[in-house]
Amino acid sequence: MHQASLIGYVGARDAELKETQNGKKFLSFSMAVTINRREKESAWYDVTVWNEAYAEMLAQRVKAKSPITVIGRMTGVYAREKNGNISVNHKISADAVQVSASAPSGQQEMSSGWGSKPSNDGGSQGGWGQQQGSQGNWGNGGGNGGGSDPIPF
């Protein structure tokens, strides 16, 4: 598995809160990441949030076609198509998710931030999970220059 940070858009459907056979809730959605703007080429990823409390909170925020940033572990499932080509289905097990929205003037601004990611013991987890300031900066203010720059896509 590889750690990945993806910036893109939620697919055509809202995130879906699902349950495993054992009754554990998880969140599932697809996202597109632009690879080549000129050719309008995108890569698609299936994203899953396994932390139940975090999944339930995000289920109300992750809406179709919203700008989104996801940090998590990436895996690929390979399959041979009927024509003999090999395809890969990219999967992300998300550790942190940030939903963004455009400001009314067309400028992009962080709206909901990283939120407060619940830990497995019911408390809140700091670092990526804590929203820093009113613009949802990246953890300690690093990464994208403190959250004041427009999203680069």
Foldseek 3Di string as FASTA:
>chain_A
DDKDKAKFWWAQFQWDWDADPVGQIKIWTKTWGQDDVVVRDIDMEIEMERQRVQRVVCSVPGGHGFIKMFIFDKDWDWDQDPVRDIDIHIYGHTPWMFTWDADPVRFTFGQPARDFPADNVRHTDAFQRDQDPRGRAHRVQDDPNRGPDGDDD
